[in-house]
């Protein structure tokens, strides 16, 4: 089995997209808490938390999937991570998905 650049590239793209997604989710949470504290609107803090928490989970899955793509292990998890990276940053997620699918034969 020959190692190509596809899973490595997919892993890097997924990790970068996940990192940006995680940063964005943290910003949404912090800004939401700040706005909720300043405006004194009931339920606003809960709303921003309800948005930020799933985004954080998706970003973490994208990062973990990217690591597994770099290791060329557990193809399903690598694919799930690249799909989650699509929701974090679609411009990096689409090529990551394509590269993981094309490099499926390299995974153990």
PDB file of N, CA and C in Angstrom:
ATOM      1  N   UNK A   1       0.842  -1.183   0.000  1.00  0.00           N
ATOM      2  CA  UNK A   1       0.000   0.000   0.000  1.00  0.00           C
ATOM      3  C   UNK A   1       0.889   1.248   0.000  1.00  0.00           C
ATOM      4  N   UNK A   2       0.717   2.042  -0.997  1.00  0.00           N
ATOM      5  CA  UNK A   2       1.501   3.253  -1.163  1.00  0.00           C
ATOM      6  C   UNK A   2       0.852   4.419  -0.427  1.00  0.00           C
ATOM      7  N   UNK A   3       1.657   5.199   0.271  1.00  0.00           N
ATOM      8  CA  UNK A   3       1.137   6.373   0.972  1.00  0.00           C
ATOM      9  C   UNK A   3       1.177   7.573   0.027  1.00  0.00           C
ATOM     10  N   UNK A   4       0.024   8.201  -0.114  1.00  0.00           N
ATOM     11  CA  UNK A   4      -0.049   9.385  -0.965  1.00  0.00           C
ATOM     12  C   UNK A   4      -0.289  10.614  -0.095  1.00  0.00           C
ATOM     13  N   UNK A   5      -0.417  11.743  -0.730  1.00  0.00           N
ATOM     14  CA  UNK A   5      -0.604  13.003  -0.044  1.00  0.00           C
ATOM     15  C   UNK A   5      -2.060  13.259   0.341  1.00  0.00           C
ATOM     16  N   UNK A   6      -2.989  12.480  -0.189  1.00  0.00           N
ATOM     17  CA  UNK A   6      -4.417  12.782  -0.012  1.00  0.00           C
ATOM     18  C   UNK A   6      -4.884  12.741   1.438  1.00  0.00           C
ATOM     19  N   UNK A   7      -4.657  11.659   2.200  1.00  0.00           N
ATOM     20  CA  UNK A   7      -5.108  11.669   3.595  1.00  0.00           C
ATOM     21  C   UNK A   7      -4.391  12.720   4.445  1.00  0.00           C
ATOM     22  N   UNK A   8      -3.133  12.960   4.153  1.00  0.00           N
ATOM     23  CA  UNK A   8      -2.399  13.979   4.903  1.00  0.00           C
ATOM     24  C   UNK A   8      -2.986  15.360   4.662  1.00  0.00           C
ATOM     25  N   UNK A   9      -3.242  15.662   3.419  1.00  0.00           N
ATOM     26  CA  UNK A   9      -3.839  16.953   3.078  1.00  0.00           C
ATOM     27  C   UNK A   9      -5.227  17.083   3.676  1.00  0.00           C
ATOM     28  N   UNK A  10      -6.015  16.017   3.610  1.00  0.00           N
ATOM     29  CA  UNK A  10      -7.357  16.038   4.185  1.00  0.00           C
ATOM     30  C   UNK A  10      -7.297  16.265   5.690  1.00  0.00           C
ATOM     31  N   UNK A  11      -6.344  15.611   6.352  1.00  0.00           N
ATOM     32  CA  UNK A  11      -6.201  15.791   7.797  1.00  0.00           C
ATOM     33  C   UNK A  11      -5.843  17.215   8.164  1.00  0.00           C
ATOM     34  N   UNK A  12      -4.907  17.790   7.432  1.00  0.00           N
ATOM     35  CA  UNK A  12      -4.502  19.173   7.713  1.00  0.00           C
ATOM     36  C   UNK A  12      -5.664  20.131   7.467  1.00  0.00           C
ATOM     37  N   UNK A  13      -6.370  19.953   6.352  1.00  0.00           N
ATOM     38  CA  UNK A  13      -7.516  20.820   6.062  1.00  0.00           C
ATOM     39  C   UNK A  13      -8.595  20.697   7.134  1.00  0.00           C
ATOM     40  N   UNK A  14      -8.844  19.476   7.589  1.00  0.00           N
ATOM     41  CA  UNK A  14      -9.862  19.253   8.602  1.00  0.00           C
ATOM     42  C   UNK A  14      -9.469  19.873   9.941  1.00  0.00           C
ATOM     43  N   UNK A  15      -8.210  19.737  10.312  1.00  0.00           N
ATOM     44  CA  UNK A  15      -7.740  20.320  11.575  1.00  0.00           C
ATOM     45  C   UNK A  15      -7.814  21.846  11.527  1.00  0.00           C
ATOM     46  N   UNK A  16      -7.396  22.430  10.416  1.00  0.00           N
ATOM     47  CA  UNK A  16      -7.442  23.890  10.288  1.00  0.00           C
ATOM     48  C   UNK A  16      -8.887  24.382  10.322  1.00  0.00           C
ATOM     49  N   UNK A  17      -9.775  23.712   9.584  1.00  0.00           N
ATOM     50  CA  UNK A  17     -11.190  24.108   9.592  1.00  0.00           C
ATOM     51  C   UNK A  17     -11.784  23.946  10.985  1.00  0.00           C
ATOM     52  N   UNK A  18     -11.441  22.858  11.670  1.00  0.00           N
ATOM     53  CA  UNK A  18     -11.934  22.647  13.028  1.00  0.00           C
ATOM     54  C   UNK A  18     -11.424  23.699  13.992  1.00  0.00           C
ATOM     55  N   UNK A  19     -10.170  24.115  13.827  1.00  0.00           N
ATOM     56  CA  UNK A  19      -9.610  25.152  14.695  1.00  0.00           C
ATOM     57  C   UNK A  19     -10.331  26.488  14.484  1.00  0.00           C
ATOM     58  N   UNK A  20     -10.580  26.822  13.225  1.00  0.00           N
ATOM     59  CA  UNK A  20     -11.334  28.049  12.952  1.00  0.00           C
ATOM     60  C   UNK A  20     -12.767  27.953  13.481  1.00  0.00           C
ATOM     61  N   UNK A  21     -13.367  26.771  13.334  1.00  0.00           N
ATOM     62  CA  UNK A  21     -14.717  26.573  13.856  1.00  0.00           C
ATOM     63  C   UNK A  21     -14.766  26.679  15.363  1.00  0.00           C
ATOM     64  N   UNK A  22     -13.763  26.131  16.034  1.00  0.00           N
ATOM     65  CA  UNK A  22     -13.691  26.208  17.490  1.00  0.00           C
ATOM     66  C   UNK A  22     -13.504  27.649  17.943  1.00  0.00           C
ATOM     67  N   UNK A  23     -12.639  28.361  17.267  1.00  0.00           N
ATOM     68  CA  UNK A  23     -12.436  29.776  17.585  1.00  0.00           C
ATOM     69  C   UNK A  23     -13.725  30.570  17.389  1.00  0.00           C
ATOM     70  N   UNK A  24     -14.407  30.317  16.285  1.00  0.00           N
ATOM     71  CA  UNK A  24     -15.665  31.010  16.030  1.00  0.00           C
ATOM     72  C   UNK A  24     -16.733  30.688  17.065  1.00  0.00           C
ATOM     73  N   UNK A  25     -16.803  29.421  17.480  1.00  0.00           N
ATOM     74  CA  UNK A  25     -17.798  29.025  18.477  1.00  0.00           C
ATOM     75  C   UNK A  25     -17.510  29.676  19.823  1.00  0.00           C
ATOM     76  N   UNK A  26     -16.240  29.760  20.182  1.00  0.00           N
ATOM     77  CA  UNK A  26     -15.881  30.417  21.439  1.00  0.00           C
ATOM     78  C   UNK A  26     -16.222  31.900  21.373  1.00  0.00           C
ATOM     79  N   UNK A  27     -15.961  32.517  20.249  1.00  0.00           N
ATOM     80  CA  UNK A  27     -16.303  33.934  20.080  1.00  0.00           C
ATOM     81  C   UNK A  27     -17.810  34.135  20.188  1.00  0.00           C
ATOM     82  N   UNK A  28     -18.591  33.244  19.562  1.00  0.00           N
ATOM     83  CA  UNK A  28     -20.057  33.349  19.663  1.00  0.00           C
ATOM     84  C   UNK A  28     -20.493  33.252  21.124  1.00  0.00           C
ATOM     85  N   UNK A  29     -19.906  32.318  21.862  1.00  0.00           N
ATOM     86  CA  UNK A  29     -20.269  32.165  23.264  1.00  0.00           C
ATOM     87  C   UNK A  29     -19.894  33.371  24.106  1.00  0.00           C
ATOM     88  N   UNK A  30     -18.681  33.877  23.920  1.00  0.00           N
ATOM     89  CA  UNK A  30     -18.215  35.015  24.716  1.00  0.00           C
ATOM     90  C   UNK A  30     -18.981  36.285  24.356  1.00  0.00           C
ATOM     91  N   UNK A  31     -19.139  36.546  23.080  1.00  0.00           N
ATOM     92  CA  UNK A  31     -19.869  37.748  22.654  1.00  0.00           C
ATOM     93  C   UNK A  31     -21.333  37.657  23.091  1.00  0.00           C
ATOM     94  N   UNK A  32     -21.897  36.455  22.988  1.00  0.00           N
ATOM     95  CA  UNK A  32     -23.283  36.267  23.421  1.00  0.00           C
ATOM     96  C   UNK A  32     -23.464  36.527  24.893  1.00  0.00           C
ATOM     97  N   UNK A  33     -22.532  36.044  25.709  1.00  0.00           N
ATOM     98  CA  UNK A  33     -22.600  36.296  27.147  1.00  0.00           C
ATOM     99  C   UNK A  33     -22.448  37.784  27.448  1.00  0.00           C
ATOM    100  N   UNK A  34     -21.564  38.448  26.719  1.00  0.00           N
ATOM    101  CA  UNK A  34     -21.357  39.879  26.922  1.00  0.00           C
ATOM    102  C   UNK A  34     -22.594  40.668  26.543  1.00  0.00           C
ATOM    103  N   UNK A  35     -23.172  40.350  25.393  1.00  0.00           N
ATOM    104  CA  UNK A  35     -24.384  41.054  24.953  1.00  0.00           C
ATOM    105  C   UNK A  35     -25.527  40.789  25.918  1.00  0.00           C
ATOM    106  N   UNK A  36     -25.656  39.542  26.357  1.00  0.00           N
ATOM    107  CA  UNK A  36     -26.734  39.198  27.284  1.00  0.00           C
ATOM    108  C   UNK A  36     -26.557  39.929  28.603  1.00  0.00           C
ATOM    109  N   UNK A  37     -25.324  40.102  29.051  1.00  0.00           N
ATOM    110  CA  UNK A  37     -25.075  40.815  30.296  1.00  0.00           C
ATOM    111  C   UNK A  37     -25.331  42.304  30.176  1.00  0.00           C
ATOM    112  N   UNK A  38     -25.010  42.873  29.041  1.00  0.00           N
ATOM    113  CA  UNK A  38     -25.197  44.313  28.853  1.00  0.00           C
ATOM    114  C   UNK A  38     -26.651  44.680  28.599  1.00  0.00           C
ATOM    115  N   UNK A  39     -27.339  43.891  27.834  1.00  0.00           N
ATOM    116  CA  UNK A  39     -28.697  44.227  27.424  1.00  0.00           C
ATOM    117  C   UNK A  39     -29.761  43.807  28.433  1.00  0.00           C
ATOM    118  N   UNK A  40     -29.405  42.910  29.316  1.00  0.00           N
ATOM    119  CA  UNK A  40     -30.347  42.422  30.329  1.00  0.00           C
ATOM    120  C   UNK A  40     -31.608  41.819  29.705  1.00  0.00           C
ATOM    121  N   UNK A  41     -31.418  41.068  28.635  1.00  0.00           N
ATOM    122  CA  UNK A  41     -32.533  40.404  27.968  1.00  0.00           C
ATOM    123  C   UNK A  41     -32.615  38.979  28.506  1.00  0.00           C
ATOM    124  N   UNK A  42     -33.769  38.610  29.073  1.00  0.00           N
ATOM    125  CA  UNK A  42     -33.874  37.258  29.629  1.00  0.00           C
ATOM    126  C   UNK A  42     -33.834  36.197  28.523  1.00  0.00           C
ATOM    127  N   UNK A  43     -33.061  35.135  28.765  1.00  0.00           N
ATOM    128  CA  UNK A  43     -32.974  34.035  27.819  1.00  0.00           C
ATOM    129  C   UNK A  43     -31.927  34.210  26.743  1.00  0.00           C
ATOM    130  N   UNK A  44     -31.340  35.376  26.626  1.00  0.00           N
ATOM    131  CA  UNK A  44     -30.350  35.631  25.583  1.00  0.00           C
ATOM    132  C   UNK A  44     -29.090  34.788  25.819  1.00  0.00           C
ATOM    133  N   UNK A  45     -28.679  34.683  27.056  1.00  0.00           N
ATOM    134  CA  UNK A  45     -27.500  33.889  27.384  1.00  0.00           C
ATOM    135  C   UNK A  45     -27.715  32.421  27.017  1.00  0.00           C
ATOM    136  N   UNK A  46     -28.893  31.902  27.292  1.00  0.00           N
ATOM    137  CA  UNK A  46     -29.223  30.517  26.957  1.00  0.00           C
ATOM    138  C   UNK A  46     -29.230  30.305  25.446  1.00  0.00           C
ATOM    139  N   UNK A  47     -29.718  31.273  24.720  1.00  0.00           N
ATOM    140  CA  UNK A  47     -29.756  31.178  23.265  1.00  0.00           C
ATOM    141  C   UNK A  47     -28.351  31.080  22.678  1.00  0.00           C
ATOM    142  N   UNK A  48     -27.460  31.953  23.135  1.00  0.00           N
ATOM    143  CA  UNK A  48     -26.095  31.912  22.610  1.00  0.00           C
ATOM    144  C   UNK A  48     -25.363  30.644  23.036  1.00  0.00           C
ATOM    145  N   UNK A  49     -25.638  30.146  24.231  1.00  0.00           N
ATOM    146  CA  UNK A  49     -25.039  28.886  24.669  1.00  0.00           C
ATOM    147  C   UNK A  49     -25.559  27.734  23.820  1.00  0.00           C
ATOM    148  N   UNK A  50     -26.841  27.779  23.472  1.00  0.00           N
ATOM    149  CA  UNK A  50     -27.436  26.732  22.637  1.00  0.00           C
ATOM    150  C   UNK A  50     -26.852  26.746  21.227  1.00  0.00           C
ATOM    151  N   UNK A  51     -26.349  27.867  20.798  1.00  0.00           N
ATOM    152  CA  UNK A  51     -25.705  27.954  19.492  1.00  0.00           C
ATOM    153  C   UNK A  51     -24.237  27.543  19.598  1.00  0.00           C
ATOM    154  N   UNK A  52     -23.545  27.996  20.638  1.00  0.00           N
ATOM    155  CA  UNK A  52     -22.103  27.788  20.756  1.00  0.00           C
ATOM    156  C   UNK A  52     -21.737  26.342  21.086  1.00  0.00           C
ATOM    157  N   UNK A  53     -22.493  25.675  21.935  1.00  0.00           N
ATOM    158  CA  UNK A  53     -22.126  24.324  22.369  1.00  0.00           C
ATOM    159  C   UNK A  53     -22.121  23.321  21.210  1.00  0.00           C
ATOM    160  N   UNK A  54     -23.155  23.257  20.366  1.00  0.00           N
ATOM    161  CA  UNK A  54     -23.063  22.334  19.216  1.00  0.00           C
ATOM    162  C   UNK A  54     -21.932  22.681  18.251  1.00  0.00           C
ATOM    163  N   UNK A  55     -21.658  23.976  18.085  1.00  0.00           N
ATOM    164  CA  UNK A  55     -20.549  24.372  17.212  1.00  0.00           C
ATOM    165  C   UNK A  55     -19.210  23.899  17.773  1.00  0.00           C
ATOM    166  N   UNK A  56     -19.058  23.957  19.090  1.00  0.00           N
ATOM    167  CA  UNK A  56     -17.827  23.473  19.714  1.00  0.00           C
ATOM    168  C   UNK A  56     -17.692  21.966  19.511  1.00  0.00           C
ATOM    169  N   UNK A  57     -18.778  21.235  19.681  1.00  0.00           N
ATOM    170  CA  UNK A  57     -18.748  19.778  19.507  1.00  0.00           C
ATOM    171  C   UNK A  57     -18.387  19.412  18.068  1.00  0.00           C
ATOM    172  N   UNK A  58     -18.993  20.099  17.105  1.00  0.00           N
ATOM    173  CA  UNK A  58     -18.692  19.836  15.690  1.00  0.00           C
ATOM    174  C   UNK A  58     -17.230  20.143  15.383  1.00  0.00           C
ATOM    175  N   UNK A  59     -16.708  21.232  15.937  1.00  0.00           N
ATOM    176  CA  UNK A  59     -15.310  21.594  15.694  1.00  0.00           C
ATOM    177  C   UNK A  59     -14.357  20.562  16.295  1.00  0.00           C
ATOM    178  N   UNK A  60     -14.676  20.056  17.476  1.00  0.00           N
ATOM    179  CA  UNK A  60     -13.824  19.042  18.105  1.00  0.00           C
ATOM    180  C   UNK A  60     -13.826  17.759  17.282  1.00  0.00           C
ATOM    181  N   UNK A  61     -14.987  17.366  16.773  1.00  0.00           N
ATOM    182  CA  UNK A  61     -15.056  16.172  15.920  1.00  0.00           C
ATOM    183  C   UNK A  61     -14.231  16.376  14.648  1.00  0.00           C
ATOM    184  N   UNK A  62     -14.266  17.584  14.090  1.00  0.00           N
ATOM    185  CA  UNK A  62     -13.466  17.877  12.893  1.00  0.00           C
ATOM    186  C   UNK A  62     -11.975  17.754  13.191  1.00  0.00           C
ATOM    187  N   UNK A  63     -11.545  18.234  14.345  1.00  0.00           N
ATOM    188  CA  UNK A  63     -10.130  18.145  14.708  1.00  0.00           C
ATOM    189  C   UNK A  63      -9.723  16.692  14.940  1.00  0.00           C
ATOM    190  N   UNK A  64     -10.536  15.944  15.664  1.00  0.00           N
ATOM    191  CA  UNK A  64     -10.226  14.536  15.924  1.00  0.00           C
ATOM    192  C   UNK A  64     -10.207  13.735  14.615  1.00  0.00           C
ATOM    193  N   UNK A  65     -11.169  13.992  13.744  1.00  0.00           N
ATOM    194  CA  UNK A  65     -11.184  13.314  12.445  1.00  0.00           C
ATOM    195  C   UNK A  65      -9.965  13.652  11.612  1.00  0.00           C
ATOM    196  N   UNK A  66      -9.498  14.886  11.698  1.00  0.00           N
ATOM    197  CA  UNK A  66      -8.290  15.276  10.992  1.00  0.00           C
ATOM    198  C   UNK A  66      -7.063  14.555  11.509  1.00  0.00           C
ATOM    199  N   UNK A  67      -6.996  14.358  12.822  1.00  0.00           N
ATOM    200  CA  UNK A  67      -5.875  13.615  13.404  1.00  0.00           C
ATOM    201  C   UNK A  67      -5.895  12.164  12.923  1.00  0.00           C
ATOM    202  N   UNK A  68      -7.074  11.559  12.885  1.00  0.00           N
ATOM    203  CA  UNK A  68      -7.169  10.183  12.407  1.00  0.00           C
ATOM    204  C   UNK A  68      -6.870  10.085  10.912  1.00  0.00           C
ATOM    205  N   UNK A  69      -7.183  11.121  10.168  1.00  0.00           N
ATOM    206  CA  UNK A  69      -6.811  11.112   8.744  1.00  0.00           C
ATOM    207  C   UNK A  69      -5.295  11.194   8.580  1.00  0.00           C
ATOM    208  N   UNK A  70      -4.644  11.979   9.419  1.00  0.00           N
ATOM    209  CA  UNK A  70      -3.181  12.056   9.366  1.00  0.00           C
ATOM    210  C   UNK A  70      -2.536  10.720   9.737  1.00  0.00           C
ATOM    211  N   UNK A  71      -3.141  10.020  10.697  1.00  0.00           N
ATOM    212  CA  UNK A  71      -2.616   8.721  11.117  1.00  0.00           C
ATOM    213  C   UNK A  71      -3.014   7.594  10.169  1.00  0.00           C
ATOM    214  N   UNK A  72      -3.969   7.884   9.292  1.00  0.00           N
ATOM    215  CA  UNK A  72      -4.524   6.885   8.365  1.00  0.00           C
ATOM    216  C   UNK A  72      -5.155   5.718   9.126  1.00  0.00           C
ATOM    217  N   UNK A  73      -5.932   6.028  10.131  1.00  0.00           N
ATOM    218  CA  UNK A  73      -6.637   5.039  10.939  1.00  0.00           C
ATOM    219  C   UNK A  73      -8.122   5.370  10.941  1.00  0.00           C
ATOM    220  N   UNK A  74      -8.946   4.409  11.120  1.00  0.00           N
ATOM    221  CA  UNK A  74     -10.406   4.521  11.268  1.00  0.00           C
ATOM    222  C   UNK A  74     -10.992   5.476  10.218  1.00  0.00           C
ATOM    223  N   UNK A  75     -11.143   4.956   9.012  1.00  0.00           N
ATOM    224  CA  UNK A  75     -11.611   5.757   7.886  1.00  0.00           C
ATOM    225  C   UNK A  75     -12.964   6.422   8.174  1.00  0.00           C
ATOM    226  N   UNK A  76     -13.853   5.711   8.851  1.00  0.00           N
ATOM    227  CA  UNK A  76     -15.169   6.280   9.148  1.00  0.00           C
ATOM    228  C   UNK A  76     -15.084   7.517  10.024  1.00  0.00           C
ATOM    229  N   UNK A  77     -14.218   7.486  11.022  1.00  0.00           N
ATOM    230  CA  UNK A  77     -14.047   8.648  11.889  1.00  0.00           C
ATOM    231  C   UNK A  77     -13.373   9.793  11.141  1.00  0.00           C
ATOM    232  N   UNK A  78     -12.419   9.459  10.296  1.00  0.00           N
ATOM    233  CA  UNK A  78     -11.775  10.503   9.483  1.00  0.00           C
ATOM    234  C   UNK A  78     -12.789  11.153   8.547  1.00  0.00           C
ATOM    235  N   UNK A  79     -13.664  10.339   7.962  1.00  0.00           N
ATOM    236  CA  UNK A  79     -14.697  10.891   7.082  1.00  0.00           C
ATOM    237  C   UNK A  79     -15.694  11.738   7.870  1.00  0.00           C
ATOM    238  N   UNK A  80     -16.091  11.264   9.049  1.00  0.00           N
ATOM    239  CA  UNK A  80     -17.009  12.042   9.891  1.00  0.00           C
ATOM    240  C   UNK A  80     -16.378  13.375  10.281  1.00  0.00           C
ATOM    241  N   UNK A  81     -15.080  13.357  10.577  1.00  0.00           N
ATOM    242  CA  UNK A  81     -14.391  14.596  10.926  1.00  0.00           C
ATOM    243  C   UNK A  81     -14.334  15.574   9.771  1.00  0.00           C
ATOM    244  N   UNK A  82     -14.101  15.060   8.572  1.00  0.00           N
ATOM    245  CA  UNK A  82     -14.057  15.964   7.425  1.00  0.00           C
ATOM    246  C   UNK A  82     -15.449  16.501   7.083  1.00  0.00           C
ATOM    247  N   UNK A  83     -16.470  15.688   7.318  1.00  0.00           N
ATOM    248  CA  UNK A  83     -17.834  16.183   7.109  1.00  0.00           C
ATOM    249  C   UNK A  83     -18.148  17.285   8.117  1.00  0.00           C
ATOM    250  N   UNK A  84     -17.710  17.111   9.357  1.00  0.00           N
ATOM    251  CA  UNK A  84     -17.909  18.169  10.355  1.00  0.00           C
ATOM    252  C   UNK A  84     -17.104  19.413  10.003  1.00  0.00           C
ATOM    253  N   UNK A  85     -15.940  19.232   9.377  1.00  0.00           N
ATOM    254  CA  UNK A  85     -15.154  20.398   8.973  1.00  0.00           C
ATOM    255  C   UNK A  85     -15.878  21.198   7.887  1.00  0.00           C
ATOM    256  N   UNK A  86     -16.750  20.523   7.162  1.00  0.00           N
ATOM    257  CA  UNK A  86     -17.567  21.220   6.166  1.00  0.00           C
ATOM    258  C   UNK A  86     -18.449  22.274   6.836  1.00  0.00           C
ATOM    259  N   UNK A  87     -18.974  21.965   8.023  1.00  0.00           N
ATOM    260  CA  UNK A  87     -19.828  22.901   8.741  1.00  0.00           C
ATOM    261  C   UNK A  87     -19.020  23.998   9.428  1.00  0.00           C
ATOM    262  N   UNK A  88     -17.745  23.727   9.691  1.00  0.00           N
ATOM    263  CA  UNK A  88     -16.895  24.740  10.314  1.00  0.00           C
ATOM    264  C   UNK A  88     -16.415  25.763   9.291  1.00  0.00           C
ATOM    265  N   UNK A  89     -15.960  25.256   8.159  1.00  0.00           N
ATOM    266  CA  UNK A  89     -15.415  26.129   7.117  1.00  0.00           C
ATOM    267  C   UNK A  89     -15.533  25.385   5.789  1.00  0.00           C
ATOM    268  N   UNK A  90     -16.568  25.661   5.048  1.00  0.00           N
ATOM    269  CA  UNK A  90     -16.903  24.847   3.875  1.00  0.00           C
ATOM    270  C   UNK A  90     -15.815  24.884   2.802  1.00  0.00           C
ATOM    271  N   UNK A  91     -15.082  25.981   2.733  1.00  0.00           N
ATOM    272  CA  UNK A  91     -14.048  26.102   1.708  1.00  0.00           C
ATOM    273  C   UNK A  91     -12.922  25.079   1.924  1.00  0.00           C
ATOM    274  N   UNK A  92     -12.654  24.717   3.154  1.00  0.00           N
ATOM    275  CA  UNK A  92     -11.662  23.692   3.453  1.00  0.00           C
ATOM    276  C   UNK A  92     -12.295  22.314   3.600  1.00  0.00           C
ATOM    277  N   UNK A  93     -13.555  22.279   3.977  1.00  0.00           N
ATOM    278  CA  UNK A  93     -14.231  21.012   4.220  1.00  0.00           C
ATOM    279  C   UNK A  93     -14.492  20.199   2.962  1.00  0.00           C
ATOM    280  N   UNK A  94     -14.848  20.859   1.899  1.00  0.00           N
ATOM    281  CA  UNK A  94     -15.156  20.142   0.647  1.00  0.00           C
ATOM    282  C   UNK A  94     -13.935  19.396   0.107  1.00  0.00           C
ATOM    283  N   UNK A  95     -12.768  20.046  -0.017  1.00  0.00           N
ATOM    284  CA  UNK A  95     -11.618  19.274  -0.481  1.00  0.00           C
ATOM    285  C   UNK A  95     -11.195  18.191   0.512  1.00  0.00           C
ATOM    286  N   UNK A  96     -11.364  18.442   1.804  1.00  0.00           N
ATOM    287  CA  UNK A  96     -10.999  17.432   2.801  1.00  0.00           C
ATOM    288  C   UNK A  96     -11.843  16.171   2.627  1.00  0.00           C
ATOM    289  N   UNK A  97     -13.127  16.343   2.396  1.00  0.00           N
ATOM    290  CA  UNK A  97     -14.004  15.186   2.174  1.00  0.00           C
ATOM    291  C   UNK A  97     -13.561  14.422   0.924  1.00  0.00           C
ATOM    292  N   UNK A  98     -13.291  15.144  -0.135  1.00  0.00           N
ATOM    293  CA  UNK A  98     -12.887  14.507  -1.395  1.00  0.00           C
ATOM    294  C   UNK A  98     -11.584  13.734  -1.214  1.00  0.00           C
ATOM    295  N   UNK A  99     -10.614  14.331  -0.528  1.00  0.00           N
ATOM    296  CA  UNK A  99      -9.323  13.667  -0.353  1.00  0.00           C
ATOM    297  C   UNK A  99      -9.418  12.440   0.548  1.00  0.00           C
ATOM    298  N   UNK A 100     -10.271  12.480   1.575  1.00  0.00           N
ATOM    299  CA  UNK A 100     -10.437  11.295   2.426  1.00  0.00           C
ATOM    300  C   UNK A 100     -11.096  10.176   1.637  1.00  0.00           C
ATOM    301  N   UNK A 101     -12.074  10.509   0.830  1.00  0.00           N
ATOM    302  CA  UNK A 101     -12.744   9.482   0.026  1.00  0.00           C
ATOM    303  C   UNK A 101     -11.769   8.877  -0.994  1.00  0.00           C
ATOM    304  N   UNK A 102     -10.980   9.720  -1.641  1.00  0.00           N
ATOM    305  CA  UNK A 102     -10.023   9.220  -2.623  1.00  0.00           C
ATOM    306  C   UNK A 102      -8.909   8.389  -1.983  1.00  0.00           C
ATOM    307  N   UNK A 103      -8.576   8.678  -0.727  1.00  0.00           N
ATOM    308  CA  UNK A 103      -7.515   7.947  -0.056  1.00  0.00           C
ATOM    309  C   UNK A 103      -8.000   6.813   0.825  1.00  0.00           C
ATOM    310  N   UNK A 104      -9.218   6.346   0.614  1.00  0.00           N
ATOM    311  CA  UNK A 104      -9.803   5.319   1.472  1.00  0.00           C
ATOM    312  C   UNK A 104      -8.947   4.047   1.540  1.00  0.00           C
ATOM    313  N   UNK A 105      -8.322   3.680   0.475  1.00  0.00           N
ATOM    314  CA  UNK A 105      -7.541   2.437   0.442  1.00  0.00           C
ATOM    315  C   UNK A 105      -6.302   2.490   1.352  1.00  0.00           C
ATOM    316  N   UNK A 106      -5.891   3.676   1.779  1.00  0.00           N
ATOM    317  CA  UNK A 106      -4.713   3.805   2.616  1.00  0.00           C
ATOM    318  C   UNK A 106      -5.013   3.646   4.105  1.00  0.00           C
ATOM    319  N   UNK A 107      -6.284   3.621   4.485  1.00  0.00           N
ATOM    320  CA  UNK A 107      -6.661   3.543   5.894  1.00  0.00           C
ATOM    321  C   UNK A 107      -6.678   2.098   6.361  1.00  0.00           C
ATOM    322  N   UNK A 108      -6.341   1.911   7.643  1.00  0.00           N
ATOM    323  CA  UNK A 108      -6.380   0.561   8.203  1.00  0.00           C
ATOM    324  C   UNK A 108      -7.513   0.439   9.213  1.00  0.00           C
TER     325      UNK A 108
END
